Amino acid sequence: MNIPFIILILGLILVIVFFRNFYSAVYFIVMVDILLRIITYLKTEIIRADAFDFLSYIPADVPSILQSLNLGGLTSVVLFIYVLVYIVFEGLLIRNFFERHF
């Protein structure tokens, strides 16, 4: 086990325990993924590498955390679940967009 995966699972468990809602878990996974992608962009394009060396320990995104587990064939199943989470998130965004009254 690696530390980013443990942190991701603990955060997911806390969100499920406190909110008791599947959609909150979906939002949590997507928020973490977007945050990691923003940090990755900042550390590669804007921030000098030697100024913030601790950023090199932060993974690039959620799929990189999942692929670092070396699960073999199970990795593709876990990544497919990750894609399904994004599909559910997209559905939630579309539903909320059309329910909103401008």
N, C-alpha and C. Protein backbone atom coordinates (compact mmCIF):
# COMPACT_ATOMS: atom_id res chain seq x y z
N MET A 1 0.84 -1.19 0.00
CA MET A 1 0.00 0.00 0.00
C MET A 1 0.88 1.24 0.00
N ASN A 2 0.40 2.25 -0.67
CA ASN A 2 1.13 3.50 -0.66
C ASN A 2 0.30 4.57 0.06
N ILE A 3 0.98 5.59 0.49
CA ILE A 3 0.37 6.63 1.32
C ILE A 3 -0.75 7.39 0.60
N PRO A 4 -0.59 7.85 -0.66
CA PRO A 4 -1.71 8.56 -1.31
C PRO A 4 -2.97 7.72 -1.41
N PHE A 5 -2.82 6.41 -1.66
CA PHE A 5 -4.00 5.55 -1.74
C PHE A 5 -4.68 5.44 -0.38
N ILE A 6 -3.91 5.31 0.67
CA ILE A 6 -4.49 5.22 2.02
C ILE A 6 -5.21 6.52 2.37
N ILE A 7 -4.62 7.66 2.03
CA ILE A 7 -5.26 8.95 2.30
C ILE A 7 -6.56 9.08 1.51
N LEU A 8 -6.55 8.65 0.24
CA LEU A 8 -7.75 8.70 -0.59
C LEU A 8 -8.86 7.83 -0.01
N ILE A 9 -8.52 6.63 0.40
CA ILE A 9 -9.52 5.72 0.97
C ILE A 9 -10.05 6.25 2.30
N LEU A 10 -9.17 6.76 3.16
CA LEU A 10 -9.64 7.32 4.44
C LEU A 10 -10.55 8.52 4.23
N GLY A 11 -10.21 9.38 3.28
CA GLY A 11 -11.08 10.52 2.97
C GLY A 11 -12.42 10.07 2.42
N LEU A 12 -12.40 9.06 1.57
CA LEU A 12 -13.64 8.53 1.02
C LEU A 12 -14.51 7.91 2.11
N ILE A 13 -13.90 7.20 3.03
CA ILE A 13 -14.65 6.61 4.15
C ILE A 13 -15.25 7.70 5.02
N LEU A 14 -14.48 8.75 5.31
CA LEU A 14 -15.01 9.85 6.13
C LEU A 14 -16.19 10.55 5.44
N VAL A 15 -16.09 10.76 4.14
CA VAL A 15 -17.18 11.40 3.40
C VAL A 15 -18.43 10.52 3.44
N ILE A 16 -18.26 9.22 3.25
CA ILE A 16 -19.41 8.31 3.26
C ILE A 16 -20.03 8.25 4.66
N VAL A 17 -19.20 8.25 5.71
CA VAL A 17 -19.73 8.18 7.07
C VAL A 17 -20.47 9.46 7.44
N PHE A 18 -19.91 10.62 7.10
CA PHE A 18 -20.53 11.88 7.50
C PHE A 18 -21.74 12.26 6.65
N PHE A 19 -21.66 12.02 5.34
CA PHE A 19 -22.74 12.46 4.46
C PHE A 19 -23.73 11.36 4.13
N ARG A 20 -23.31 10.11 4.21
CA ARG A 20 -24.17 8.94 3.97
C ARG A 20 -24.94 9.06 2.65
N ASN A 21 -24.18 9.40 1.62
CA ASN A 21 -24.79 9.62 0.32
C ASN A 21 -23.79 9.20 -0.76
N PHE A 22 -24.26 8.45 -1.74
CA PHE A 22 -23.40 8.02 -2.84
C PHE A 22 -22.89 9.21 -3.63
N TYR A 23 -23.73 10.20 -3.83
CA TYR A 23 -23.33 11.35 -4.63
C TYR A 23 -22.23 12.16 -3.96
N SER A 24 -22.20 12.20 -2.65
CA SER A 24 -21.12 12.91 -1.97
C SER A 24 -19.79 12.20 -2.20
N ALA A 25 -19.80 10.87 -2.29
CA ALA A 25 -18.58 10.13 -2.59
C ALA A 25 -18.12 10.43 -4.01
N VAL A 26 -19.07 10.54 -4.94
CA VAL A 26 -18.73 10.89 -6.33
C VAL A 26 -18.10 12.28 -6.38
N TYR A 27 -18.72 13.24 -5.72
CA TYR A 27 -18.18 14.59 -5.69
C TYR A 27 -16.79 14.61 -5.05
N PHE A 28 -16.58 13.82 -3.99
CA PHE A 28 -15.29 13.79 -3.33
C PHE A 28 -14.20 13.29 -4.27
N ILE A 29 -14.46 12.20 -4.98
CA ILE A 29 -13.46 11.64 -5.89
C ILE A 29 -13.13 12.63 -6.99
N VAL A 30 -14.14 13.28 -7.54
CA VAL A 30 -13.90 14.24 -8.62
C VAL A 30 -13.18 15.48 -8.09
N MET A 31 -13.52 15.95 -6.91
CA MET A 31 -12.84 17.10 -6.33
C MET A 31 -11.37 16.81 -6.08
N VAL A 32 -11.07 15.63 -5.56
CA VAL A 32 -9.68 15.27 -5.32
C VAL A 32 -8.93 15.18 -6.64
N ASP A 33 -9.55 14.59 -7.65
CA ASP A 33 -8.90 14.45 -8.94
C ASP A 33 -8.62 15.81 -9.57
N ILE A 34 -9.58 16.71 -9.52
CA ILE A 34 -9.39 18.05 -10.09
C ILE A 34 -8.31 18.81 -9.32
N LEU A 35 -8.29 18.69 -7.99
CA LEU A 35 -7.27 19.35 -7.19
C LEU A 35 -5.88 18.83 -7.54
N LEU A 36 -5.74 17.52 -7.68
CA LEU A 36 -4.44 16.95 -8.03
C LEU A 36 -4.00 17.39 -9.43
N ARG A 37 -4.94 17.50 -10.35
CA ARG A 37 -4.59 17.95 -11.70
C ARG A 37 -4.18 19.42 -11.71
N ILE A 38 -4.82 20.24 -10.88
CA ILE A 38 -4.42 21.66 -10.77
C ILE A 38 -3.03 21.77 -10.19
N ILE A 39 -2.75 21.01 -9.13
CA ILE A 39 -1.42 21.04 -8.51
C ILE A 39 -0.37 20.56 -9.50
N THR A 40 -0.69 19.52 -10.28
CA THR A 40 0.25 19.03 -11.28
C THR A 40 0.53 20.08 -12.34
N TYR A 41 -0.50 20.76 -12.78
CA TYR A 41 -0.29 21.83 -13.77
C TYR A 41 0.58 22.93 -13.20
N LEU A 42 0.29 23.34 -11.97
CA LEU A 42 1.08 24.40 -11.35
C LEU A 42 2.54 24.01 -11.20
N LYS A 43 2.78 22.77 -10.77
CA LYS A 43 4.17 22.38 -10.53
C LYS A 43 4.95 22.13 -11.82
N THR A 44 4.26 21.86 -12.92
CA THR A 44 4.98 21.66 -14.18
C THR A 44 5.10 22.92 -15.01
N GLU A 45 4.14 23.82 -14.93
CA GLU A 45 4.13 24.98 -15.82
C GLU A 45 4.49 26.29 -15.15
N ILE A 46 4.17 26.46 -13.89
CA ILE A 46 4.30 27.78 -13.28
C ILE A 46 5.35 27.82 -12.18
N ILE A 47 5.28 26.88 -11.25
CA ILE A 47 6.15 26.92 -10.06
C ILE A 47 7.50 26.30 -10.39
N ARG A 48 8.54 26.91 -9.91
CA ARG A 48 9.88 26.36 -10.08
C ARG A 48 10.01 25.08 -9.27
N ALA A 49 10.64 24.10 -9.83
CA ALA A 49 10.75 22.78 -9.20
C ALA A 49 11.57 22.84 -7.91
N ASP A 50 12.61 23.63 -7.87
CA ASP A 50 13.44 23.66 -6.67
C ASP A 50 12.84 24.51 -5.56
N ALA A 51 11.89 25.37 -5.88
CA ALA A 51 11.28 26.22 -4.86
C ALA A 51 10.32 25.43 -3.97
N PHE A 52 9.55 24.54 -4.56
CA PHE A 52 8.59 23.75 -3.81
C PHE A 52 8.84 22.28 -4.09
N ASP A 53 9.90 21.75 -3.52
CA ASP A 53 10.30 20.37 -3.78
C ASP A 53 9.31 19.35 -3.22
N PHE A 54 8.56 19.73 -2.18
CA PHE A 54 7.61 18.80 -1.58
C PHE A 54 6.46 18.47 -2.53
N LEU A 55 6.24 19.30 -3.55
CA LEU A 55 5.18 19.02 -4.52
C LEU A 55 5.47 17.80 -5.37
N SER A 56 6.72 17.38 -5.42
CA SER A 56 7.06 16.20 -6.22
C SER A 56 6.51 14.92 -5.60
N TYR A 57 6.13 14.95 -4.33
CA TYR A 57 5.56 13.78 -3.67
C TYR A 57 4.05 13.64 -3.91
N ILE A 58 3.43 14.67 -4.44
CA ILE A 58 1.99 14.64 -4.70
C ILE A 58 1.74 13.97 -6.04
N PRO A 59 0.85 12.98 -6.08
CA PRO A 59 0.59 12.29 -7.35
C PRO A 59 -0.11 13.20 -8.36
N ALA A 60 -0.04 12.82 -9.63
CA ALA A 60 -0.58 13.65 -10.70
C ALA A 60 -2.10 13.67 -10.71
N ASP A 61 -2.73 12.51 -10.49
CA ASP A 61 -4.19 12.42 -10.51
C ASP A 61 -4.60 11.09 -9.87
N VAL A 62 -5.89 10.89 -9.76
CA VAL A 62 -6.41 9.67 -9.13
C VAL A 62 -6.03 8.41 -9.91
N PRO A 63 -6.09 8.40 -11.25
CA PRO A 63 -5.65 7.18 -11.95
C PRO A 63 -4.19 6.81 -11.68
N SER A 64 -3.32 7.80 -11.48
CA SER A 64 -1.94 7.46 -11.16
C SER A 64 -1.83 6.83 -9.78
N ILE A 65 -2.70 7.22 -8.86
CA ILE A 65 -2.73 6.58 -7.54
C ILE A 65 -3.18 5.13 -7.68
N LEU A 66 -4.22 4.92 -8.48
CA LEU A 66 -4.74 3.57 -8.65
C LEU A 66 -3.77 2.68 -9.41
N GLN A 67 -3.06 3.21 -10.39
CA GLN A 67 -2.11 2.41 -11.15
C GLN A 67 -0.85 2.10 -10.36
N SER A 68 -0.56 2.89 -9.34
CA SER A 68 0.62 2.62 -8.53
C SER A 68 0.45 1.42 -7.61
N LEU A 69 -0.78 0.90 -7.51
CA LEU A 69 -1.02 -0.26 -6.65
C LEU A 69 -0.55 -1.56 -7.26
N ASN A 70 -0.32 -1.61 -8.57
CA ASN A 70 0.13 -2.81 -9.28
C ASN A 70 -0.79 -3.99 -9.01
N LEU A 71 -2.06 -3.82 -9.34
CA LEU A 71 -3.04 -4.87 -9.11
C LEU A 71 -3.18 -5.82 -10.29
N GLY A 72 -2.46 -5.59 -11.36
CA GLY A 72 -2.55 -6.45 -12.53
C GLY A 72 -3.81 -6.20 -13.31
N GLY A 73 -4.57 -7.27 -13.56
CA GLY A 73 -5.81 -7.15 -14.32
C GLY A 73 -6.90 -6.41 -13.58
N LEU A 74 -6.81 -6.38 -12.26
CA LEU A 74 -7.80 -5.68 -11.46
C LEU A 74 -7.70 -4.16 -11.64
N THR A 75 -6.54 -3.68 -12.06
CA THR A 75 -6.36 -2.25 -12.28
C THR A 75 -7.32 -1.73 -13.34
N SER A 76 -7.51 -2.49 -14.40
CA SER A 76 -8.43 -2.04 -15.45
C SER A 76 -9.86 -2.01 -14.95
N VAL A 77 -10.23 -2.92 -14.05
CA VAL A 77 -11.58 -2.90 -13.47
C VAL A 77 -11.75 -1.67 -12.59
N VAL A 78 -10.75 -1.37 -11.78
CA VAL A 78 -10.81 -0.20 -10.89
C VAL A 78 -10.85 1.08 -11.71
N LEU A 79 -10.09 1.15 -12.79
CA LEU A 79 -10.13 2.34 -13.65
C LEU A 79 -11.47 2.46 -14.38
N PHE A 80 -12.10 1.33 -14.71
CA PHE A 80 -13.43 1.38 -15.30
C PHE A 80 -14.44 1.94 -14.30
N ILE A 81 -14.32 1.57 -13.04
CA ILE A 81 -15.18 2.13 -11.99
C ILE A 81 -14.94 3.63 -11.86
N TYR A 82 -13.67 4.03 -11.99
CA TYR A 82 -13.32 5.45 -11.96
C TYR A 82 -14.02 6.20 -13.10
N VAL A 83 -14.04 5.61 -14.29
CA VAL A 83 -14.72 6.22 -15.43
C VAL A 83 -16.22 6.29 -15.17
N LEU A 84 -16.79 5.25 -14.56
CA LEU A 84 -18.22 5.28 -14.22
C LEU A 84 -18.53 6.39 -13.22
N VAL A 85 -17.62 6.64 -12.28
CA VAL A 85 -17.80 7.74 -11.33
C VAL A 85 -17.86 9.07 -12.08
N TYR A 86 -17.00 9.25 -13.06
CA TYR A 86 -17.04 10.48 -13.85
C TYR A 86 -18.31 10.58 -14.69
N ILE A 87 -18.82 9.46 -15.18
CA ILE A 87 -20.08 9.49 -15.93
C ILE A 87 -21.23 9.91 -15.02
N VAL A 88 -21.27 9.37 -13.79
CA VAL A 88 -22.29 9.77 -12.82
C VAL A 88 -22.15 11.25 -12.50
N PHE A 89 -20.92 11.73 -12.34
CA PHE A 89 -20.69 13.14 -12.04
C PHE A 89 -21.20 14.02 -13.19
N GLU A 90 -20.92 13.62 -14.42
CA GLU A 90 -21.41 14.38 -15.57
C GLU A 90 -22.93 14.42 -15.60
N GLY A 91 -23.56 13.28 -15.28
CA GLY A 91 -25.02 13.24 -15.20
C GLY A 91 -25.56 14.17 -14.13
N LEU A 92 -24.88 14.22 -12.98
CA LEU A 92 -25.30 15.14 -11.91
C LEU A 92 -25.17 16.59 -12.35
N LEU A 93 -24.09 16.91 -13.04
CA LEU A 93 -23.91 18.28 -13.52
C LEU A 93 -24.99 18.67 -14.53
N ILE A 94 -25.29 17.79 -15.45
CA ILE A 94 -26.31 18.08 -16.45
C ILE A 94 -27.68 18.23 -15.81
N ARG A 95 -28.01 17.33 -14.87
CA ARG A 95 -29.29 17.41 -14.18
C ARG A 95 -29.41 18.71 -13.40
N ASN A 96 -28.37 19.09 -12.66
CA ASN A 96 -28.40 20.32 -11.90
C ASN A 96 -28.47 21.55 -12.81
N PHE A 97 -27.85 21.48 -13.97
CA PHE A 97 -27.88 22.60 -14.91
C PHE A 97 -29.30 22.83 -15.42
N PHE A 98 -30.00 21.75 -15.78
CA PHE A 98 -31.34 21.90 -16.33
C PHE A 98 -32.40 22.16 -15.25
N GLU A 99 -32.15 21.77 -14.03
CA GLU A 99 -33.11 22.04 -12.95
C GLU A 99 -33.01 23.47 -12.44
N ARG A 100 -31.89 24.11 -12.72
CA ARG A 100 -31.69 25.47 -12.23
C ARG A 100 -32.54 26.42 -13.05
N HIS A 101 -33.22 27.32 -12.37
CA HIS A 101 -34.08 28.30 -13.04
C HIS A 101 -33.31 29.63 -13.11
N PHE A 102 -33.07 30.08 -14.33
CA PHE A 102 -32.32 31.30 -14.51
C PHE A 102 -33.20 32.51 -14.50
